[in-house]
Full PDB file with SEQRES, HELIX, SHEET, SSBOND, CRYST1, ORIGX, SCALE, CONECT and MASTER records, all heavy atoms in Angstrom:
SEQRES   1 A   39  GLY PRO ASP GLY GLY SER HIS GLN MET LEU GLU ASP ILE          
SEQRES   2 A   39  ALA LEU MET ARG VAL LEU PRO ASN MET ARG VAL LEU VAL          
SEQRES   3 A   39  PRO ALA ASP TYR THR ALA ALA GLN ALA ALA ILE ARG TYR          
HELIX    1 AA1 ASP A   12  ARG A   17  1                                   6    
HELIX    2 AA2 TYR A   30  ARG A   38  1                                   9    
CRYST1    1.000    1.000    1.000  90.00  90.00  90.00 P 1           1          
ORIGX1      1.000000  0.000000  0.000000        0.00000                         
ORIGX2      0.000000  1.000000  0.000000        0.00000                         
ORIGX3      0.000000  0.000000  1.000000        0.00000                         
SCALE1      1.000000  0.000000  0.000000        0.00000                         
SCALE2      0.000000  1.000000  0.000000        0.00000                         
SCALE3      0.000000  0.000000  1.000000        0.00000                         
ATOM      1  N   GLY A   1       9.398 -11.473  -2.146  1.00  0.00           N  
ATOM      2  CA  GLY A   1      10.421 -12.418  -2.569  1.00  0.00           C  
ATOM      3  C   GLY A   1      10.317 -13.809  -1.986  1.00  0.00           C  
ATOM      4  O   GLY A   1       9.263 -14.453  -2.087  1.00  0.00           O  
ATOM      5  N   PRO A   2      11.389 -14.316  -1.342  1.00  0.00           N  
ATOM      6  CA  PRO A   2      11.452 -15.726  -0.940  1.00  0.00           C  
ATOM      7  C   PRO A   2      10.397 -16.154   0.069  1.00  0.00           C  
ATOM      8  O   PRO A   2      10.165 -17.355   0.236  1.00  0.00           O  
ATOM      9  CB  PRO A   2      12.867 -15.849  -0.334  1.00  0.00           C  
ATOM     10  CG  PRO A   2      13.641 -14.734  -0.937  1.00  0.00           C  
ATOM     11  CD  PRO A   2      12.656 -13.617  -1.119  1.00  0.00           C  
ATOM     12  N   ASP A   3       9.744 -15.198   0.753  1.00  0.00           N  
ATOM     13  CA  ASP A   3       8.708 -15.578   1.715  1.00  0.00           C  
ATOM     14  C   ASP A   3       7.526 -16.268   1.048  1.00  0.00           C  
ATOM     15  O   ASP A   3       6.746 -16.954   1.707  1.00  0.00           O  
ATOM     16  CB  ASP A   3       8.220 -14.345   2.487  1.00  0.00           C  
ATOM     17  CG  ASP A   3       9.262 -13.817   3.449  1.00  0.00           C  
ATOM     18  OD1 ASP A   3      10.313 -14.467   3.600  1.00  0.00           O  
ATOM     19  OD2 ASP A   3       9.035 -12.759   4.050  1.00  0.00           O  
ATOM     20  N   GLY A   4       7.360 -16.083  -0.258  1.00  0.00           N  
ATOM     21  CA  GLY A   4       6.382 -16.848  -1.014  1.00  0.00           C  
ATOM     22  C   GLY A   4       4.972 -16.299  -0.996  1.00  0.00           C  
ATOM     23  O   GLY A   4       4.679 -15.242  -0.429  1.00  0.00           O  
ATOM     24  N   GLY A   5       4.077 -17.065  -1.636  1.00  0.00           N  
ATOM     25  CA  GLY A   5       2.715 -16.612  -1.868  1.00  0.00           C  
ATOM     26  C   GLY A   5       1.912 -16.324  -0.623  1.00  0.00           C  
ATOM     27  O   GLY A   5       1.010 -15.490  -0.648  1.00  0.00           O  
ATOM     28  N   SER A   6       2.197 -17.012   0.471  1.00  0.00           N  
ATOM     29  CA  SER A   6       1.432 -16.765   1.701  1.00  0.00           C  
ATOM     30  C   SER A   6       1.675 -15.365   2.251  1.00  0.00           C  
ATOM     31  O   SER A   6       0.822 -14.811   2.949  1.00  0.00           O  
ATOM     32  CB  SER A   6       1.795 -17.809   2.763  1.00  0.00           C  
ATOM     33  OG  SER A   6       3.167 -17.693   3.127  1.00  0.00           O  
ATOM     34  N   HIS A   7       2.840 -14.784   1.944  1.00  0.00           N  
ATOM     35  CA  HIS A   7       3.194 -13.470   2.478  1.00  0.00           C  
ATOM     36  C   HIS A   7       3.184 -12.366   1.425  1.00  0.00           C  
ATOM     37  O   HIS A   7       3.364 -11.195   1.767  1.00  0.00           O  
ATOM     38  CB  HIS A   7       4.586 -13.527   3.117  1.00  0.00           C  
ATOM     39  CG  HIS A   7       4.613 -14.168   4.467  1.00  0.00           C  
ATOM     40  ND1 HIS A   7       4.120 -15.432   4.698  1.00  0.00           N  
ATOM     41  CD2 HIS A   7       5.078 -13.722   5.667  1.00  0.00           C  
ATOM     42  CE1 HIS A   7       4.288 -15.743   5.976  1.00  0.00           C  
ATOM     43  NE2 HIS A   7       4.859 -14.717   6.580  1.00  0.00           N  
ATOM     44  N   GLN A   8       2.980 -12.703   0.178  1.00  0.00           N  
ATOM     45  CA  GLN A   8       2.977 -11.702  -0.898  1.00  0.00           C  
ATOM     46  C   GLN A   8       1.559 -11.165  -1.070  1.00  0.00           C  
ATOM     47  O   GLN A   8       0.752 -11.721  -1.807  1.00  0.00           O  
ATOM     48  CB  GLN A   8       3.508 -12.326  -2.189  1.00  0.00           C  
ATOM     49  CG  GLN A   8       4.986 -12.662  -2.122  1.00  0.00           C  
ATOM     50  CD  GLN A   8       5.451 -13.540  -3.258  1.00  0.00           C  
ATOM     51  OE1 GLN A   8       4.687 -13.859  -4.173  1.00  0.00           O  
ATOM     52  NE2 GLN A   8       6.701 -13.963  -3.218  1.00  0.00           N  
ATOM     53  N   MET A   9       1.278 -10.067  -0.397  1.00  0.00           N  
ATOM     54  CA  MET A   9      -0.075  -9.515  -0.395  1.00  0.00           C  
ATOM     55  C   MET A   9      -0.362  -8.825  -1.718  1.00  0.00           C  
ATOM     56  O   MET A   9       0.290  -7.840  -2.082  1.00  0.00           O  
ATOM     57  CB  MET A   9      -0.242  -8.533   0.762  1.00  0.00           C  
ATOM     58  CG  MET A   9      -1.663  -8.030   0.932  1.00  0.00           C  
ATOM     59  SD  MET A   9      -2.850  -9.386   1.070  1.00  0.00           S  
ATOM     60  CE  MET A   9      -4.248  -8.574   1.796  1.00  0.00           C  
ATOM     61  N   LEU A  10      -1.358  -9.336  -2.451  1.00  0.00           N  
ATOM     62  CA  LEU A  10      -1.723  -8.832  -3.769  1.00  0.00           C  
ATOM     63  C   LEU A  10      -3.164  -8.332  -3.822  1.00  0.00           C  
ATOM     64  O   LEU A  10      -3.664  -8.028  -4.904  1.00  0.00           O  
ATOM     65  CB  LEU A  10      -1.525  -9.935  -4.819  1.00  0.00           C  
ATOM     66  CG  LEU A  10      -0.101 -10.482  -4.933  1.00  0.00           C  
ATOM     67  CD1 LEU A  10      -0.070 -11.723  -5.812  1.00  0.00           C  
ATOM     68  CD2 LEU A  10       0.830  -9.409  -5.474  1.00  0.00           C  
ATOM     69  N   GLU A  11      -3.801  -8.267  -2.685  1.00  0.00           N  
ATOM     70  CA  GLU A  11      -5.211  -7.875  -2.644  1.00  0.00           C  
ATOM     71  C   GLU A  11      -5.468  -6.647  -1.772  1.00  0.00           C  
ATOM     72  O   GLU A  11      -6.614  -6.243  -1.584  1.00  0.00           O  
ATOM     73  CB  GLU A  11      -6.068  -9.040  -2.119  1.00  0.00           C  
ATOM     74  CG  GLU A  11      -5.889 -10.359  -2.851  1.00  0.00           C  
ATOM     75  CD  GLU A  11      -4.707 -11.179  -2.318  1.00  0.00           C  
ATOM     76  OE1 GLU A  11      -4.448 -11.123  -1.097  1.00  0.00           O  
ATOM     77  OE2 GLU A  11      -4.044 -11.849  -3.122  1.00  0.00           O  
ATOM     78  N   ASP A  12      -4.438  -6.055  -1.209  1.00  0.00           N  
ATOM     79  CA  ASP A  12      -4.611  -5.015  -0.203  1.00  0.00           C  
ATOM     80  C   ASP A  12      -5.181  -3.714  -0.753  1.00  0.00           C  
ATOM     81  O   ASP A  12      -6.007  -3.070  -0.100  1.00  0.00           O  
ATOM     82  CB  ASP A  12      -3.299  -4.749   0.533  1.00  0.00           C  
ATOM     83  CG  ASP A  12      -2.123  -4.500  -0.408  1.00  0.00           C  
ATOM     84  OD1 ASP A  12      -2.014  -5.215  -1.426  1.00  0.00           O  
ATOM     85  OD2 ASP A  12      -1.302  -3.610  -0.133  1.00  0.00           O  
ATOM     86  N   ILE A  13      -4.766  -3.318  -1.956  1.00  0.00           N  
ATOM     87  CA  ILE A  13      -5.337  -2.094  -2.533  1.00  0.00           C  
ATOM     88  C   ILE A  13      -6.839  -2.267  -2.727  1.00  0.00           C  
ATOM     89  O   ILE A  13      -7.627  -1.364  -2.424  1.00  0.00           O  
ATOM     90  CB  ILE A  13      -4.653  -1.742  -3.866  1.00  0.00           C  
ATOM     91  CG1 ILE A  13      -3.175  -1.408  -3.641  1.00  0.00           C  
ATOM     92  CG2 ILE A  13      -5.355  -0.568  -4.549  1.00  0.00           C  
ATOM     93  CD1 ILE A  13      -2.383  -1.206  -4.925  1.00  0.00           C  
ATOM     94  N   ALA A  14      -7.229  -3.442  -3.209  1.00  0.00           N  
ATOM     95  CA  ALA A  14      -8.650  -3.727  -3.405  1.00  0.00           C  
ATOM     96  C   ALA A  14      -9.415  -3.630  -2.090  1.00  0.00           C  
ATOM     97  O   ALA A  14     -10.495  -3.017  -2.022  1.00  0.00           O  
ATOM     98  CB  ALA A  14      -8.819  -5.120  -4.007  1.00  0.00           C  
ATOM     99  N   LEU A  15      -8.857  -4.208  -1.037  1.00  0.00           N  
ATOM    100  CA  LEU A  15      -9.526  -4.201   0.264  1.00  0.00           C  
ATOM    101  C   LEU A  15      -9.654  -2.782   0.827  1.00  0.00           C  
ATOM    102  O   LEU A  15     -10.695  -2.408   1.369  1.00  0.00           O  
ATOM    103  CB  LEU A  15      -8.755  -5.074   1.256  1.00  0.00           C  
ATOM    104  CG  LEU A  15      -8.771  -6.580   1.027  1.00  0.00           C  
ATOM    105  CD1 LEU A  15      -7.803  -7.263   1.989  1.00  0.00           C  
ATOM    106  CD2 LEU A  15     -10.175  -7.139   1.200  1.00  0.00           C  
ATOM    107  N   MET A  16      -8.602  -2.010   0.697  1.00  0.00           N  
ATOM    108  CA  MET A  16      -8.578  -0.695   1.333  1.00  0.00           C  
ATOM    109  C   MET A  16      -9.351   0.359   0.546  1.00  0.00           C  
ATOM    110  O   MET A  16     -10.011   1.220   1.123  1.00  0.00           O  
ATOM    111  CB  MET A  16      -7.136  -0.241   1.547  1.00  0.00           C  
ATOM    112  CG  MET A  16      -6.361  -1.075   2.559  1.00  0.00           C  
ATOM    113  SD  MET A  16      -7.007  -1.002   4.249  1.00  0.00           S  
ATOM    114  CE  MET A  16      -7.866  -2.585   4.360  1.00  0.00           C  
ATOM    115  N   ARG A  17      -9.305   0.310  -0.782  1.00  0.00           N  
ATOM    116  CA  ARG A  17      -9.924   1.397  -1.547  1.00  0.00           C  
ATOM    117  C   ARG A  17     -11.447   1.342  -1.504  1.00  0.00           C  
ATOM    118  O   ARG A  17     -12.110   2.355  -1.751  1.00  0.00           O  
ATOM    119  CB  ARG A  17      -9.423   1.397  -2.987  1.00  0.00           C  
ATOM    120  CG  ARG A  17     -10.020   0.378  -3.932  1.00  0.00           C  
ATOM    121  CD  ARG A  17      -9.453   0.578  -5.341  1.00  0.00           C  
ATOM    122  NE  ARG A  17     -10.046  -0.305  -6.327  1.00  0.00           N  
ATOM    123  CZ  ARG A  17     -11.126  -0.004  -7.058  1.00  0.00           C  
ATOM    124  NH1 ARG A  17     -11.731   1.160  -6.902  1.00  0.00           N  
ATOM    125  NH2 ARG A  17     -11.594  -0.866  -7.939  1.00  0.00           N  
ATOM    126  N   VAL A  18     -12.008   0.197  -1.180  1.00  0.00           N  
ATOM    127  CA  VAL A  18     -13.463   0.093  -1.145  1.00  0.00           C  
ATOM    128  C   VAL A  18     -14.058   0.644   0.153  1.00  0.00           C  
ATOM    129  O   VAL A  18     -15.261   0.879   0.236  1.00  0.00           O  
ATOM    130  CB  VAL A  18     -13.891  -1.385  -1.343  1.00  0.00           C  
ATOM    131  CG1 VAL A  18     -13.644  -2.201  -0.087  1.00  0.00           C  
ATOM    132  CG2 VAL A  18     -15.339  -1.485  -1.785  1.00  0.00           C  
ATOM    133  N   LEU A  19     -13.214   0.896   1.153  1.00  0.00           N  
ATOM    134  CA  LEU A  19     -13.721   1.329   2.452  1.00  0.00           C  
ATOM    135  C   LEU A  19     -14.063   2.820   2.465  1.00  0.00           C  
ATOM    136  O   LEU A  19     -13.232   3.651   2.091  1.00  0.00           O  
ATOM    137  CB  LEU A  19     -12.682   1.060   3.545  1.00  0.00           C  
ATOM    138  CG  LEU A  19     -12.478  -0.403   3.923  1.00  0.00           C  
ATOM    139  CD1 LEU A  19     -11.269  -0.556   4.846  1.00  0.00           C  
ATOM    140  CD2 LEU A  19     -13.729  -0.963   4.593  1.00  0.00           C  
ATOM    141  N   PRO A  20     -15.262   3.186   2.896  1.00  0.00           N  
ATOM    142  CA  PRO A  20     -15.587   4.604   3.052  1.00  0.00           C  
ATOM    143  C   PRO A  20     -14.610   5.276   4.021  1.00  0.00           C  
ATOM    144  O   PRO A  20     -14.163   4.663   4.998  1.00  0.00           O  
ATOM    145  CB  PRO A  20     -17.000   4.579   3.637  1.00  0.00           C  
ATOM    146  CG  PRO A  20     -17.560   3.257   3.208  1.00  0.00           C  
ATOM    147  CD  PRO A  20     -16.408   2.313   3.218  1.00  0.00           C  
ATOM    148  N   ASN A  21     -14.265   6.520   3.727  1.00  0.00           N  
ATOM    149  CA  ASN A  21     -13.375   7.361   4.532  1.00  0.00           C  
ATOM    150  C   ASN A  21     -11.893   7.017   4.411  1.00  0.00           C  
ATOM    151  O   ASN A  21     -11.048   7.748   4.938  1.00  0.00           O  
ATOM    152  CB  ASN A  21     -13.759   7.347   6.026  1.00  0.00           C  
ATOM    153  CG  ASN A  21     -15.148   7.882   6.277  1.00  0.00           C  
ATOM    154  OD1 ASN A  21     -15.590   8.808   5.600  1.00  0.00           O  
ATOM    155  ND2 ASN A  21     -15.856   7.305   7.235  1.00  0.00           N  
ATOM    156  N   MET A  22     -11.546   5.913   3.741  1.00  0.00           N  
ATOM    157  CA  MET A  22     -10.143   5.530   3.605  1.00  0.00           C  
ATOM    158  C   MET A  22      -9.524   6.167   2.366  1.00  0.00           C  
ATOM    159  O   MET A  22     -10.117   6.145   1.288  1.00  0.00           O  
ATOM    160  CB  MET A  22     -10.011   4.007   3.503  1.00  0.00           C  
ATOM    161  CG  MET A  22      -8.565   3.510   3.401  1.00  0.00           C  
ATOM    162  SD  MET A  22      -7.606   3.838   4.885  1.00  0.00           S  
ATOM    163  CE  MET A  22      -8.074   2.409   5.886  1.00  0.00           C  
ATOM    164  N   ARG A  23      -8.328   6.720   2.522  1.00  0.00           N  
ATOM    165  CA  ARG A  23      -7.537   7.203   1.395  1.00  0.00           C  
ATOM    166  C   ARG A  23      -6.358   6.262   1.190  1.00  0.00           C  
ATOM    167  O   ARG A  23      -5.791   5.755   2.166  1.00  0.00           O  
ATOM    168  CB  ARG A  23      -7.068   8.641   1.655  1.00  0.00           C  
ATOM    169  CG  ARG A  23      -8.197   9.651   1.439  1.00  0.00           C  
ATOM    170  CD  ARG A  23      -8.041  10.885   2.275  1.00  0.00           C  
ATOM    171  NE  ARG A  23      -8.253  10.585   3.683  1.00  0.00           N  
ATOM    172  CZ  ARG A  23      -8.223  11.509   4.642  1.00  0.00           C  
ATOM    173  NH1 ARG A  23      -7.984  12.769   4.325  1.00  0.00           N  
ATOM    174  NH2 ARG A  23      -8.422  11.182   5.900  1.00  0.00           N  
ATOM    175  N   VAL A  24      -5.978   6.045  -0.067  1.00  0.00           N  
ATOM    176  CA  VAL A  24      -5.002   5.013  -0.405  1.00  0.00           C  
ATOM    177  C   VAL A  24      -3.831   5.625  -1.170  1.00  0.00           C  
ATOM    178  O   VAL A  24      -4.022   6.208  -2.246  1.00  0.00           O  
ATOM    179  CB  VAL A  24      -5.652   3.891  -1.243  1.00  0.00           C  
ATOM    180  CG1 VAL A  24      -4.621   2.837  -1.622  1.00  0.00           C  
ATOM    181  CG2 VAL A  24      -6.815   3.251  -0.479  1.00  0.00           C  
ATOM    182  N   LEU A  25      -2.629   5.460  -0.625  1.00  0.00           N  
ATOM    183  CA  LEU A  25      -1.410   5.995  -1.222  1.00  0.00           C  
ATOM    184  C   LEU A  25      -0.414   4.868  -1.478  1.00  0.00           C  
ATOM    185  O   LEU A  25      -0.175   4.041  -0.603  1.00  0.00           O  
ATOM    186  CB  LEU A  25      -0.758   7.034  -0.293  1.00  0.00           C  
ATOM    187  CG  LEU A  25      -1.628   8.223   0.122  1.00  0.00           C  
ATOM    188  CD1 LEU A  25      -0.892   9.077   1.150  1.00  0.00           C  
ATOM    189  CD2 LEU A  25      -2.024   9.060  -1.084  1.00  0.00           C  
ATOM    190  N   VAL A  26       0.167   4.843  -2.691  1.00  0.00           N  
ATOM    191  CA  VAL A  26       1.149   3.817  -3.061  1.00  0.00           C  
ATOM    192  C   VAL A  26       2.383   4.520  -3.617  1.00  0.00           C  
ATOM    193  O   VAL A  26       2.481   4.770  -4.822  1.00  0.00           O  
ATOM    194  CB  VAL A  26       0.569   2.818  -4.083  1.00  0.00           C  
ATOM    195  CG1 VAL A  26       1.576   1.696  -4.344  1.00  0.00           C  
ATOM    196  CG2 VAL A  26      -0.749   2.235  -3.589  1.00  0.00           C  
ATOM    197  N   PRO A  27       3.344   4.883  -2.762  1.00  0.00           N  
ATOM    198  CA  PRO A  27       4.520   5.622  -3.226  1.00  0.00           C  
ATOM    199  C   PRO A  27       5.451   4.781  -4.079  1.00  0.00           C  
ATOM    200  O   PRO A  27       5.598   3.574  -3.871  1.00  0.00           O  
ATOM    201  CB  PRO A  27       5.186   6.058  -1.926  1.00  0.00           C  
ATOM    202  CG  PRO A  27       4.710   5.086  -0.893  1.00  0.00           C  
ATOM    203  CD  PRO A  27       3.321   4.701  -1.300  1.00  0.00           C  
ATOM    204  N   ALA A  28       6.118   5.449  -5.026  1.00  0.00           N  
ATOM    205  CA  ALA A  28       6.978   4.767  -5.990  1.00  0.00           C  
ATOM    206  C   ALA A  28       8.420   4.641  -5.521  1.00  0.00           C  
ATOM    207  O   ALA A  28       9.145   3.777  -6.013  1.00  0.00           O  
ATOM    208  CB  ALA A  28       6.956   5.498  -7.328  1.00  0.00           C  
ATOM    209  N   ASP A  29       8.863   5.514  -4.622  1.00  0.00           N  
ATOM    210  CA  ASP A  29      10.238   5.428  -4.139  1.00  0.00           C  
ATOM    211  C   ASP A  29      10.316   5.993  -2.734  1.00  0.00           C  
ATOM    212  O   ASP A  29       9.301   6.389  -2.137  1.00  0.00           O  
ATOM    213  CB  ASP A  29      11.210   6.127  -5.102  1.00  0.00           C  
ATOM    214  CG  ASP A  29      11.100   7.652  -5.098  1.00  0.00           C  
ATOM    215  OD1 ASP A  29      10.196   8.200  -4.430  1.00  0.00           O  
ATOM    216  OD2 ASP A  29      11.922   8.306  -5.775  1.00  0.00           O  
ATOM    217  N   TYR A  30      11.539   6.024  -2.209  1.00  0.00           N  
ATOM    218  CA  TYR A  30      11.765   6.461  -0.836  1.00  0.00           C  
ATOM    219  C   TYR A  30      11.284   7.901  -0.613  1.00  0.00           C  
ATOM    220  O   TYR A  30      10.609   8.195   0.378  1.00  0.00           O  
ATOM    221  CB  TYR A  30      13.255   6.339  -0.526  1.00  0.00           C  
ATOM    222  CG  TYR A  30      13.690   6.951   0.775  1.00  0.00           C  
ATOM    223  CD1 TYR A  30      13.546   6.263   1.974  1.00  0.00           C  
ATOM    224  CD2 TYR A  30      14.257   8.227   0.806  1.00  0.00           C  
ATOM    225  CE1 TYR A  30      13.947   6.825   3.176  1.00  0.00           C  
ATOM    226  CE2 TYR A  30      14.662   8.799   1.998  1.00  0.00           C  
ATOM    227  CZ  TYR A  30      14.508   8.092   3.185  1.00  0.00           C  
ATOM    228  OH  TYR A  30      14.904   8.658   4.369  1.00  0.00           O  
ATOM    229  N   THR A  31      11.592   8.794  -1.538  1.00  0.00           N  
ATOM    230  CA  THR A  31      11.190  10.193  -1.408  1.00  0.00           C  
ATOM    231  C   THR A  31       9.671  10.335  -1.402  1.00  0.00           C  
ATOM    232  O   THR A  31       9.105  11.085  -0.597  1.00  0.00           O  
ATOM    233  CB  THR A  31      11.806  11.032  -2.542  1.00  0.00           C  
ATOM    234  OG1 THR A  31      13.231  10.959  -2.452  1.00  0.00           O  
ATOM    235  CG2 THR A  31      11.371  12.490  -2.456  1.00  0.00           C  
ATOM    236  N   ALA A  32       9.011   9.619  -2.297  1.00  0.00           N  
ATOM    237  CA  ALA A  32       7.547   9.653  -2.334  1.00  0.00           C  
ATOM    238  C   ALA A  32       6.947   9.055  -1.066  1.00  0.00           C  
ATOM    239  O   ALA A  32       5.916   9.529  -0.574  1.00  0.00           O  
ATOM    240  CB  ALA A  32       7.043   8.913  -3.562  1.00  0.00           C  
ATOM    241  N   ALA A  33       7.594   8.019  -0.526  1.00  0.00           N  
ATOM    242  CA  ALA A  33       7.104   7.404   0.716  1.00  0.00           C  
ATOM    243  C   ALA A  33       7.205   8.381   1.879  1.00  0.00           C  
ATOM    244  O   ALA A  33       6.289   8.473   2.712  1.00  0.00           O  
ATOM    245  CB  ALA A  33       7.888   6.135   1.007  1.00  0.00           C  
ATOM    246  N   GLN A  34       8.308   9.126   1.949  1.00  0.00           N  
ATOM    247  CA  GLN A  34       8.429  10.154   2.980  1.00  0.00           C  
ATOM    248  C   GLN A  34       7.267  11.148   2.894  1.00  0.00           C  
ATOM    249  O   GLN A  34       6.650  11.498   3.905  1.00  0.00           O  
ATOM    250  CB  GLN A  34       9.750  10.913   2.808  1.00  0.00           C  
ATOM    251  CG  GLN A  34      10.990  10.188   3.265  1.00  0.00           C  
ATOM    252  CD  GLN A  34      12.216  11.077   3.137  1.00  0.00           C  
ATOM    253  OE1 GLN A  34      12.472  11.662   2.074  1.00  0.00           O  
ATOM    254  NE2 GLN A  34      12.975  11.205   4.200  1.00  0.00           N  
ATOM    255  N   ALA A  35       6.986  11.589   1.675  1.00  0.00           N  
ATOM    256  CA  ALA A  35       5.915  12.565   1.467  1.00  0.00           C  
ATOM    257  C   ALA A  35       4.554  11.983   1.831  1.00  0.00           C  
ATOM    258  O   ALA A  35       3.710  12.675   2.417  1.00  0.00           O  
ATOM    259  CB  ALA A  35       5.924  13.043   0.021  1.00  0.00           C  
ATOM    260  N   ALA A  36       4.329  10.702   1.489  1.00  0.00           N  
ATOM    261  CA  ALA A  36       3.050  10.069   1.796  1.00  0.00           C  
ATOM    262  C   ALA A  36       2.837   9.946   3.298  1.00  0.00           C  
ATOM    263  O   ALA A  36       1.737  10.219   3.814  1.00  0.00           O  
ATOM    264  CB  ALA A  36       2.996   8.690   1.141  1.00  0.00           C  
ATOM    265  N   ILE A  37       3.875   9.537   4.022  1.00  0.00           N  
ATOM    266  CA  ILE A  37       3.768   9.394   5.478  1.00  0.00           C  
ATOM    267  C   ILE A  37       3.534  10.746   6.122  1.00  0.00           C  
ATOM    268  O   ILE A  37       2.698  10.896   7.026  1.00  0.00           O  
ATOM    269  CB  ILE A  37       5.038   8.714   6.030  1.00  0.00           C  
ATOM    270  CG1 ILE A  37       5.125   7.275   5.517  1.00  0.00           C  
ATOM    271  CG2 ILE A  37       5.061   8.743   7.562  1.00  0.00           C  
ATOM    272  CD1 ILE A  37       6.494   6.653   5.629  1.00  0.00           C  
ATOM    273  N   ARG A  38       4.248  11.753   5.659  1.00  0.00           N  
ATOM    274  CA  ARG A  38       4.088  13.101   6.211  1.00  0.00           C  
ATOM    275  C   ARG A  38       2.679  13.644   5.930  1.00  0.00           C  
ATOM    276  O   ARG A  38       2.048  14.235   6.819  1.00  0.00           O  
ATOM    277  CB  ARG A  38       5.154  14.024   5.611  1.00  0.00           C  
ATOM    278  CG  ARG A  38       5.092  15.465   6.082  1.00  0.00           C  
ATOM    279  CD  ARG A  38       6.293  16.240   5.603  1.00  0.00           C  
ATOM    280  NE  ARG A  38       7.500  15.804   6.303  1.00  0.00           N  
ATOM    281  CZ  ARG A  38       7.887  16.262   7.498  1.00  0.00           C  
ATOM    282  NH1 ARG A  38       7.155  17.200   8.108  1.00  0.00           N  
ATOM    283  NH2 ARG A  38       8.991  15.833   8.062  1.00  0.00           N  
ATOM    284  N   TYR A  39       2.186  13.436   4.714  1.00  0.00           N  
ATOM    285  CA  TYR A  39       0.851  13.921   4.378  1.00  0.00           C  
ATOM    286  C   TYR A  39      -0.212  13.228   5.235  1.00  0.00           C  
ATOM    287  O   TYR A  39      -1.132  13.879   5.751  1.00  0.00           O  
ATOM    288  CB  TYR A  39       0.560  13.681   2.901  1.00  0.00           C  
ATOM    289  CG  TYR A  39      -0.813  14.134   2.465  1.00  0.00           C  
ATOM    290  CD1 TYR A  39      -1.114  15.484   2.325  1.00  0.00           C  
ATOM    291  CD2 TYR A  39      -1.821  13.204   2.211  1.00  0.00           C  
ATOM    292  CE1 TYR A  39      -2.378  15.909   1.942  1.00  0.00           C  
ATOM    293  CE2 TYR A  39      -3.090  13.616   1.826  1.00  0.00           C  
ATOM    294  CZ  TYR A  39      -3.367  14.968   1.698  1.00  0.00           C  
ATOM    295  OH  TYR A  39      -4.620  15.380   1.326  1.00  0.00           O  
TER     296      TYR A  39                                                      
MASTER        0    0    0    2    0    0    0    6  295    1    0    3          
END                                                                             
């Protein structure tokens, strides 16, 4: 939001998914986020 373009990270999935051994999770809501952190 108001923090603007300098703080709105739009490239992080790209950076993380290309790394060997890294798994990438993007939860859709609070319940999914709980499950992702626990997993």
